[in-house]
Amino acid sequence: MEAPIENDLCTRIRRSEQALMAHHEAVLRAYGLTMTQYAVLLTLAREGGMSGAQLARSCGVTQQSMSSVLANMETKELIRRETSPVHAKVQIASLTDTGRSLLDHAYQEVAILERALTDAFTPSEHAALCALLERATTVLIQQTRNATTPPAT
């Protein structure tokens, strides 16, 4: 090994992601939300009504997990589900007023961290960091595709 593991980019990215998730989980817990529930509320607020399969893809969870999340959120009256006008077997989830209000309050708390991170950098550093993170994400996605593609025989 050439360098200590703490100098590896993947380790630094993972540590940042863990710190971000820990912060969001602590903030959202005060609102009775999980990260996935928050992601659902945010996605529905931005995109409008969506099926469980669409939400699962958007939030990065399985359809089975999303089904459970949506049932729980419907019980809490954060969302409502109605039969799709296009497919009778598909339920379309949308925000309720209660869900939108809870999202608005939770989002204000999450935005505090975003502002703190933005304030920690000069505008040019912020722009550079965003560009570098996008580039790193592109490499990570490509490497994942390569790792999951069987070698040619």
N, C-alpha and C. Protein backbone atom coordinates (compact mmCIF):
# COMPACT_ATOMS: atom_id res chain seq x y z
N MET A 1 0.85 -1.19 0.00
CA MET A 1 0.00 0.00 0.00
C MET A 1 0.89 1.24 0.00
N GLU A 2 0.50 2.21 -0.82
CA GLU A 2 1.30 3.41 -0.96
C GLU A 2 0.91 4.52 0.00
N ALA A 3 -0.38 4.70 0.22
CA ALA A 3 -0.85 5.79 1.08
C ALA A 3 -1.83 5.25 2.10
N PRO A 4 -1.90 5.90 3.26
CA PRO A 4 -2.90 5.47 4.26
C PRO A 4 -4.31 5.56 3.68
N ILE A 5 -5.17 4.67 4.12
CA ILE A 5 -6.53 4.60 3.60
C ILE A 5 -7.29 5.92 3.75
N GLU A 6 -6.98 6.70 4.79
CA GLU A 6 -7.70 7.97 4.99
C GLU A 6 -7.39 9.00 3.90
N ASN A 7 -6.37 8.74 3.07
CA ASN A 7 -6.08 9.62 1.95
C ASN A 7 -6.81 9.22 0.68
N ASP A 8 -7.49 8.09 0.69
CA ASP A 8 -8.21 7.62 -0.48
C ASP A 8 -9.46 8.47 -0.71
N LEU A 9 -9.71 8.80 -1.97
CA LEU A 9 -10.89 9.60 -2.31
C LEU A 9 -12.18 8.89 -1.93
N CYS A 10 -12.26 7.60 -2.18
CA CYS A 10 -13.49 6.87 -1.86
C CYS A 10 -13.80 6.96 -0.37
N THR A 11 -12.77 6.87 0.46
CA THR A 11 -12.97 6.97 1.91
C THR A 11 -13.48 8.35 2.28
N ARG A 12 -12.91 9.38 1.68
CA ARG A 12 -13.35 10.75 1.98
C ARG A 12 -14.79 10.99 1.52
N ILE A 13 -15.13 10.48 0.34
CA ILE A 13 -16.50 10.62 -0.16
C ILE A 13 -17.46 9.90 0.77
N ARG A 14 -17.10 8.67 1.18
CA ARG A 14 -17.96 7.90 2.09
C ARG A 14 -18.14 8.61 3.42
N ARG A 15 -17.06 9.16 3.97
CA ARG A 15 -17.16 9.88 5.25
C ARG A 15 -18.07 11.10 5.12
N SER A 16 -17.96 11.81 4.01
CA SER A 16 -18.83 12.98 3.79
C SER A 16 -20.29 12.54 3.68
N GLU A 17 -20.52 11.47 2.94
CA GLU A 17 -21.88 10.96 2.77
C GLU A 17 -22.46 10.51 4.10
N GLN A 18 -21.65 9.84 4.92
CA GLN A 18 -22.12 9.40 6.24
C GLN A 18 -22.45 10.58 7.14
N ALA A 19 -21.63 11.62 7.10
CA ALA A 19 -21.90 12.81 7.91
C ALA A 19 -23.18 13.50 7.44
N LEU A 20 -23.36 13.59 6.14
CA LEU A 20 -24.57 14.19 5.58
C LEU A 20 -25.81 13.40 5.99
N MET A 21 -25.75 12.09 5.85
CA MET A 21 -26.89 11.25 6.21
C MET A 21 -27.20 11.35 7.70
N ALA A 22 -26.17 11.34 8.53
CA ALA A 22 -26.39 11.44 9.98
C ALA A 22 -27.08 12.75 10.33
N HIS A 23 -26.66 13.84 9.70
CA HIS A 23 -27.30 15.13 9.94
C HIS A 23 -28.76 15.10 9.51
N HIS A 24 -29.00 14.67 8.28
CA HIS A 24 -30.38 14.65 7.78
C HIS A 24 -31.27 13.74 8.62
N GLU A 25 -30.75 12.57 9.00
CA GLU A 25 -31.55 11.66 9.82
C GLU A 25 -31.91 12.28 11.16
N ALA A 26 -30.97 12.99 11.77
CA ALA A 26 -31.24 13.65 13.05
C ALA A 26 -32.30 14.74 12.90
N VAL A 27 -32.18 15.54 11.85
CA VAL A 27 -33.15 16.61 11.60
C VAL A 27 -34.52 16.02 11.30
N LEU A 28 -34.56 15.03 10.42
CA LEU A 28 -35.84 14.48 9.99
C LEU A 28 -36.54 13.69 11.09
N ARG A 29 -35.76 13.08 11.97
CA ARG A 29 -36.33 12.32 13.09
C ARG A 29 -37.26 13.22 13.91
N ALA A 30 -36.88 14.49 14.07
CA ALA A 30 -37.70 15.44 14.83
C ALA A 30 -39.06 15.66 14.18
N TYR A 31 -39.16 15.39 12.90
CA TYR A 31 -40.42 15.54 12.16
C TYR A 31 -41.12 14.20 11.94
N GLY A 32 -40.57 13.13 12.53
CA GLY A 32 -41.17 11.81 12.39
C GLY A 32 -40.99 11.23 11.00
N LEU A 33 -39.93 11.66 10.29
CA LEU A 33 -39.69 11.20 8.93
C LEU A 33 -38.39 10.41 8.83
N THR A 34 -38.39 9.44 7.93
CA THR A 34 -37.16 8.76 7.55
C THR A 34 -36.61 9.47 6.31
N MET A 35 -35.37 9.13 5.95
CA MET A 35 -34.79 9.72 4.74
C MET A 35 -35.62 9.37 3.51
N THR A 36 -36.09 8.13 3.44
CA THR A 36 -36.88 7.72 2.27
C THR A 36 -38.20 8.47 2.23
N GLN A 37 -38.86 8.63 3.37
CA GLN A 37 -40.12 9.37 3.40
C GLN A 37 -39.90 10.81 2.97
N TYR A 38 -38.83 11.42 3.44
CA TYR A 38 -38.50 12.79 3.05
C TYR A 38 -38.26 12.86 1.55
N ALA A 39 -37.52 11.89 1.02
CA ALA A 39 -37.24 11.86 -0.42
C ALA A 39 -38.54 11.73 -1.21
N VAL A 40 -39.48 10.94 -0.72
CA VAL A 40 -40.78 10.79 -1.39
C VAL A 40 -41.52 12.13 -1.39
N LEU A 41 -41.59 12.78 -0.23
CA LEU A 41 -42.28 14.07 -0.16
C LEU A 41 -41.63 15.09 -1.09
N LEU A 42 -40.32 15.15 -1.08
CA LEU A 42 -39.60 16.09 -1.93
C LEU A 42 -39.83 15.79 -3.41
N THR A 43 -39.77 14.53 -3.78
CA THR A 43 -39.99 14.13 -5.17
C THR A 43 -41.40 14.46 -5.62
N LEU A 44 -42.39 14.14 -4.80
CA LEU A 44 -43.78 14.43 -5.17
C LEU A 44 -44.02 15.94 -5.27
N ALA A 45 -43.37 16.71 -4.40
CA ALA A 45 -43.53 18.17 -4.46
C ALA A 45 -42.95 18.72 -5.76
N ARG A 46 -41.85 18.14 -6.21
CA ARG A 46 -41.18 18.63 -7.43
C ARG A 46 -41.79 18.07 -8.71
N GLU A 47 -42.23 16.81 -8.66
CA GLU A 47 -42.66 16.13 -9.89
C GLU A 47 -44.17 15.95 -10.01
N GLY A 48 -44.90 16.08 -8.92
CA GLY A 48 -46.33 15.79 -8.96
C GLY A 48 -46.58 14.31 -8.73
N GLY A 49 -47.79 13.84 -9.02
CA GLY A 49 -48.16 12.46 -8.76
C GLY A 49 -47.29 11.46 -9.49
N MET A 50 -46.95 10.38 -8.79
CA MET A 50 -46.10 9.34 -9.36
C MET A 50 -46.53 7.97 -8.84
N SER A 51 -46.21 6.95 -9.61
CA SER A 51 -46.49 5.58 -9.17
C SER A 51 -45.43 5.14 -8.16
N GLY A 52 -45.72 4.06 -7.47
CA GLY A 52 -44.76 3.51 -6.53
C GLY A 52 -43.46 3.10 -7.22
N ALA A 53 -43.58 2.53 -8.42
CA ALA A 53 -42.38 2.11 -9.16
C ALA A 53 -41.54 3.32 -9.53
N GLN A 54 -42.17 4.40 -9.97
CA GLN A 54 -41.43 5.62 -10.31
C GLN A 54 -40.74 6.19 -9.08
N LEU A 55 -41.45 6.22 -7.97
CA LEU A 55 -40.88 6.74 -6.73
C LEU A 55 -39.72 5.87 -6.25
N ALA A 56 -39.87 4.56 -6.37
CA ALA A 56 -38.79 3.64 -5.96
C ALA A 56 -37.52 3.94 -6.76
N ARG A 57 -37.66 4.09 -8.08
CA ARG A 57 -36.49 4.41 -8.91
C ARG A 57 -35.91 5.75 -8.52
N SER A 58 -36.76 6.73 -8.33
CA SER A 58 -36.30 8.08 -8.00
C SER A 58 -35.59 8.13 -6.65
N CYS A 59 -36.06 7.35 -5.70
CA CYS A 59 -35.51 7.37 -4.34
C CYS A 59 -34.45 6.30 -4.10
N GLY A 60 -34.21 5.45 -5.09
CA GLY A 60 -33.15 4.46 -4.97
C GLY A 60 -33.45 3.32 -4.02
N VAL A 61 -34.71 2.90 -3.97
CA VAL A 61 -35.08 1.76 -3.13
C VAL A 61 -35.85 0.76 -3.99
N THR A 62 -36.05 -0.44 -3.46
CA THR A 62 -36.81 -1.45 -4.19
C THR A 62 -38.30 -1.09 -4.20
N GLN A 63 -39.02 -1.68 -5.14
CA GLN A 63 -40.46 -1.44 -5.20
C GLN A 63 -41.15 -1.99 -3.95
N GLN A 64 -40.64 -3.11 -3.43
CA GLN A 64 -41.22 -3.68 -2.21
C GLN A 64 -41.05 -2.73 -1.03
N SER A 65 -39.86 -2.15 -0.90
CA SER A 65 -39.62 -1.18 0.18
C SER A 65 -40.51 0.04 0.01
N MET A 66 -40.62 0.53 -1.22
CA MET A 66 -41.43 1.71 -1.47
C MET A 66 -42.90 1.44 -1.16
N SER A 67 -43.37 0.26 -1.44
CA SER A 67 -44.76 -0.09 -1.14
C SER A 67 -45.03 0.06 0.35
N SER A 68 -44.11 -0.41 1.16
CA SER A 68 -44.24 -0.29 2.62
C SER A 68 -44.16 1.17 3.06
N VAL A 69 -43.23 1.92 2.49
CA VAL A 69 -43.07 3.34 2.83
C VAL A 69 -44.35 4.10 2.49
N LEU A 70 -44.90 3.85 1.30
CA LEU A 70 -46.11 4.57 0.88
C LEU A 70 -47.31 4.20 1.74
N ALA A 71 -47.43 2.95 2.13
CA ALA A 71 -48.54 2.54 3.01
C ALA A 71 -48.45 3.28 4.34
N ASN A 72 -47.24 3.37 4.89
CA ASN A 72 -47.03 4.08 6.15
C ASN A 72 -47.36 5.57 5.99
N MET A 73 -46.92 6.16 4.89
CA MET A 73 -47.17 7.59 4.67
C MET A 73 -48.65 7.88 4.44
N GLU A 74 -49.33 6.94 3.81
CA GLU A 74 -50.77 7.11 3.60
C GLU A 74 -51.51 7.04 4.93
N THR A 75 -51.08 6.15 5.81
CA THR A 75 -51.68 6.03 7.15
C THR A 75 -51.50 7.33 7.92
N LYS A 76 -50.32 7.97 7.76
CA LYS A 76 -50.04 9.25 8.43
C LYS A 76 -50.70 10.43 7.72
N GLU A 77 -51.39 10.15 6.61
CA GLU A 77 -52.07 11.17 5.79
C GLU A 77 -51.10 12.20 5.20
N LEU A 78 -49.87 11.74 4.89
CA LEU A 78 -48.89 12.60 4.23
C LEU A 78 -49.05 12.54 2.72
N ILE A 79 -49.56 11.42 2.23
CA ILE A 79 -49.84 11.24 0.81
C ILE A 79 -51.22 10.64 0.65
N ARG A 80 -51.73 10.69 -0.55
CA ARG A 80 -52.94 9.95 -0.90
C ARG A 80 -52.61 9.19 -2.17
N ARG A 81 -53.25 8.05 -2.33
CA ARG A 81 -53.04 7.24 -3.53
C ARG A 81 -54.38 7.02 -4.20
N GLU A 82 -54.37 7.23 -5.51
CA GLU A 82 -55.58 7.05 -6.31
C GLU A 82 -55.23 6.20 -7.52
N THR A 83 -56.22 5.49 -8.02
CA THR A 83 -56.02 4.65 -9.19
C THR A 83 -55.65 5.50 -10.40
N SER A 84 -54.65 5.06 -11.12
CA SER A 84 -54.21 5.76 -12.32
C SER A 84 -55.31 5.76 -13.36
N PRO A 85 -55.51 6.88 -14.05
CA PRO A 85 -56.52 6.90 -15.12
C PRO A 85 -56.07 6.07 -16.34
N VAL A 86 -54.78 5.73 -16.39
CA VAL A 86 -54.23 5.00 -17.53
C VAL A 86 -54.18 3.50 -17.27
N HIS A 87 -53.78 3.10 -16.04
CA HIS A 87 -53.65 1.69 -15.69
C HIS A 87 -54.40 1.42 -14.40
N ALA A 88 -55.42 0.58 -14.47
CA ALA A 88 -56.29 0.32 -13.32
C ALA A 88 -55.55 -0.31 -12.14
N LYS A 89 -54.43 -1.02 -12.39
CA LYS A 89 -53.70 -1.67 -11.31
C LYS A 89 -52.63 -0.78 -10.69
N VAL A 90 -52.44 0.41 -11.23
CA VAL A 90 -51.39 1.30 -10.75
C VAL A 90 -52.01 2.38 -9.87
N GLN A 91 -51.37 2.59 -8.71
CA GLN A 91 -51.79 3.65 -7.80
C GLN A 91 -50.84 4.84 -7.96
N ILE A 92 -51.39 6.04 -8.05
CA ILE A 92 -50.60 7.25 -8.17
C ILE A 92 -50.61 7.97 -6.82
N ALA A 93 -49.42 8.21 -6.30
CA ALA A 93 -49.28 8.90 -5.01
C ALA A 93 -49.14 10.39 -5.25
N SER A 94 -49.75 11.17 -4.39
CA SER A 94 -49.60 12.63 -4.43
C SER A 94 -49.60 13.16 -3.00
N LEU A 95 -49.07 14.37 -2.85
CA LEU A 95 -48.99 14.98 -1.52
C LEU A 95 -50.35 15.43 -1.03
N THR A 96 -50.55 15.30 0.27
CA THR A 96 -51.72 15.92 0.91
C THR A 96 -51.25 17.28 1.44
N ASP A 97 -52.19 18.07 1.90
CA ASP A 97 -51.82 19.34 2.53
C ASP A 97 -50.94 19.10 3.76
N THR A 98 -51.25 18.05 4.52
CA THR A 98 -50.45 17.70 5.69
C THR A 98 -49.02 17.35 5.27
N GLY A 99 -48.88 16.56 4.21
CA GLY A 99 -47.57 16.19 3.72
C GLY A 99 -46.77 17.38 3.23
N ARG A 100 -47.43 18.28 2.51
CA ARG A 100 -46.75 19.48 2.00
C ARG A 100 -46.30 20.38 3.16
N SER A 101 -47.13 20.52 4.16
CA SER A 101 -46.78 21.34 5.32
C SER A 101 -45.59 20.75 6.07
N LEU A 102 -45.61 19.44 6.29
CA LEU A 102 -44.50 18.78 6.97
C LEU A 102 -43.22 18.92 6.16
N LEU A 103 -43.31 18.74 4.85
CA LEU A 103 -42.14 18.90 3.98
C LEU A 103 -41.60 20.32 4.08
N ASP A 104 -42.47 21.31 4.02
CA ASP A 104 -42.03 22.70 4.10
C ASP A 104 -41.23 22.96 5.37
N HIS A 105 -41.72 22.46 6.49
CA HIS A 105 -41.02 22.66 7.77
C HIS A 105 -39.69 21.91 7.80
N ALA A 106 -39.70 20.65 7.39
CA ALA A 106 -38.47 19.85 7.40
C ALA A 106 -37.45 20.43 6.43
N TYR A 107 -37.91 20.89 5.27
CA TYR A 107 -37.00 21.44 4.26
C TYR A 107 -36.27 22.67 4.79
N GLN A 108 -36.96 23.48 5.58
CA GLN A 108 -36.31 24.66 6.16
C GLN A 108 -35.13 24.26 7.04
N GLU A 109 -35.28 23.16 7.77
CA GLU A 109 -34.20 22.67 8.62
C GLU A 109 -33.04 22.11 7.78
N VAL A 110 -33.37 21.36 6.75
CA VAL A 110 -32.35 20.78 5.87
C VAL A 110 -31.59 21.90 5.15
N ALA A 111 -32.30 22.97 4.79
CA ALA A 111 -31.68 24.09 4.07
C ALA A 111 -30.63 24.80 4.90
N ILE A 112 -30.73 24.71 6.21
CA ILE A 112 -29.72 25.34 7.09
C ILE A 112 -28.35 24.73 6.81
N LEU A 113 -28.29 23.42 6.67
CA LEU A 113 -27.02 22.76 6.36
C LEU A 113 -26.52 23.19 4.98
N GLU A 114 -27.40 23.25 4.02
CA GLU A 114 -27.00 23.67 2.66
C GLU A 114 -26.37 25.06 2.70
N ARG A 115 -27.00 25.98 3.44
CA ARG A 115 -26.44 27.33 3.55
C ARG A 115 -25.09 27.32 4.27
N ALA A 116 -24.97 26.51 5.32
CA ALA A 116 -23.70 26.42 6.06
C ALA A 116 -22.59 25.88 5.16
N LEU A 117 -22.91 24.88 4.36
CA LEU A 117 -21.90 24.34 3.44
C LEU A 117 -21.53 25.37 2.38
N THR A 118 -22.52 26.04 1.84
CA THR A 118 -22.25 27.07 0.83
C THR A 118 -21.38 28.17 1.41
N ASP A 119 -21.69 28.58 2.64
CA ASP A 119 -20.93 29.66 3.30
C ASP A 119 -19.50 29.25 3.65
N ALA A 120 -19.22 27.95 3.70
CA ALA A 120 -17.88 27.47 4.06
C ALA A 120 -16.88 27.62 2.91
N PHE A 121 -17.37 27.98 1.72
CA PHE A 121 -16.53 28.09 0.54
C PHE A 121 -16.73 29.43 -0.14
N THR A 122 -15.69 29.89 -0.81
CA THR A 122 -15.86 31.07 -1.66
C THR A 122 -16.73 30.64 -2.84
N PRO A 123 -17.31 31.61 -3.56
CA PRO A 123 -18.12 31.21 -4.72
C PRO A 123 -17.34 30.36 -5.74
N SER A 124 -16.08 30.68 -5.97
CA SER A 124 -15.32 29.88 -6.94
C SER A 124 -15.00 28.49 -6.38
N GLU A 125 -14.73 28.39 -5.08
CA GLU A 125 -14.50 27.08 -4.47
C GLU A 125 -15.77 26.23 -4.53
N HIS A 126 -16.90 26.86 -4.26
CA HIS A 126 -18.19 26.17 -4.30
C HIS A 126 -18.44 25.62 -5.69
N ALA A 127 -18.25 26.45 -6.70
CA ALA A 127 -18.46 26.01 -8.08
C ALA A 127 -17.50 24.87 -8.44
N ALA A 128 -16.24 25.01 -8.02
CA ALA A 128 -15.26 23.97 -8.32
C ALA A 128 -15.62 22.66 -7.61
N LEU A 129 -16.02 22.75 -6.34
CA LEU A 129 -16.39 21.55 -5.59
C LEU A 129 -17.57 20.85 -6.26
N CYS A 130 -18.57 21.61 -6.65
CA CYS A 130 -19.74 21.02 -7.32
C CYS A 130 -19.31 20.32 -8.61
N ALA A 131 -18.47 20.96 -9.39
CA ALA A 131 -17.99 20.36 -10.65
C ALA A 131 -17.18 19.10 -10.37
N LEU A 132 -16.33 19.14 -9.36
CA LEU A 132 -15.51 17.97 -9.03
C LEU A 132 -16.38 16.81 -8.52
N LEU A 133 -17.38 17.13 -7.72
CA LEU A 133 -18.28 16.08 -7.23
C LEU A 133 -19.07 15.46 -8.38
N GLU A 134 -19.51 16.27 -9.32
CA GLU A 134 -20.22 15.74 -10.50
C GLU A 134 -19.31 14.81 -11.29
N ARG A 135 -18.06 15.22 -11.47
CA ARG A 135 -17.10 14.39 -12.20
C ARG A 135 -16.85 13.08 -11.44
N ALA A 136 -16.69 13.16 -10.13
CA ALA A 136 -16.49 11.96 -9.32
C ALA A 136 -17.70 11.03 -9.43
N THR A 137 -18.88 11.59 -9.39
CA THR A 137 -20.11 10.79 -9.50
C THR A 137 -20.16 10.08 -10.84
N THR A 138 -19.80 10.77 -11.89
CA THR A 138 -19.78 10.16 -13.23
C THR A 138 -18.83 8.97 -13.26
N VAL A 139 -17.64 9.12 -12.67
CA VAL A 139 -16.66 8.02 -12.62
C VAL A 139 -17.23 6.86 -11.79
N LEU A 140 -17.83 7.16 -10.66
CA LEU A 140 -18.39 6.11 -9.81
C LEU A 140 -19.48 5.33 -10.54
N ILE A 141 -20.35 6.03 -11.24
CA ILE A 141 -21.43 5.37 -11.99
C ILE A 141 -20.84 4.49 -13.08
N GLN A 142 -19.87 5.01 -13.81
CA GLN A 142 -19.25 4.24 -14.88
C GLN A 142 -18.54 3.01 -14.34
N GLN A 143 -17.82 3.16 -13.24
CA GLN A 143 -17.12 2.02 -12.65
C GLN A 143 -18.10 0.97 -12.14
N THR A 144 -19.24 1.40 -11.66
CA THR A 144 -20.27 0.46 -11.20
C THR A 144 -20.80 -0.32 -12.39
N ARG A 145 -21.05 0.37 -13.49
CA ARG A 145 -21.51 -0.32 -14.71
C ARG A 145 -20.47 -1.35 -15.16
N ASN A 146 -19.22 -0.95 -15.14
CA ASN A 146 -18.14 -1.86 -15.55
C ASN A 146 -18.05 -3.07 -14.63
N ALA A 147 -18.27 -2.85 -13.34
CA ALA A 147 -18.18 -3.94 -12.37
C ALA A 147 -19.33 -4.92 -12.50
N THR A 148 -20.47 -4.46 -12.98
CA THR A 148 -21.64 -5.32 -13.08
C THR A 148 -21.81 -5.92 -14.47
N THR A 149 -20.95 -5.55 -15.41
CA THR A 149 -21.01 -6.11 -16.75
C THR A 149 -20.08 -7.32 -16.81
N PRO A 150 -20.62 -8.48 -17.16
CA PRO A 150 -19.75 -9.67 -17.20
C PRO A 150 -18.69 -9.50 -18.28
N PRO A 151 -17.49 -10.03 -18.02
CA PRO A 151 -16.43 -9.93 -19.03
C PRO A 151 -16.80 -10.73 -20.28
N ALA A 152 -16.36 -10.23 -21.42
CA ALA A 152 -16.60 -10.92 -22.69
C ALA A 152 -15.80 -12.22 -22.71
N THR A 153 -16.41 -13.28 -23.21
CA THR A 153 -15.69 -14.55 -23.29
C THR A 153 -15.37 -14.91 -24.71
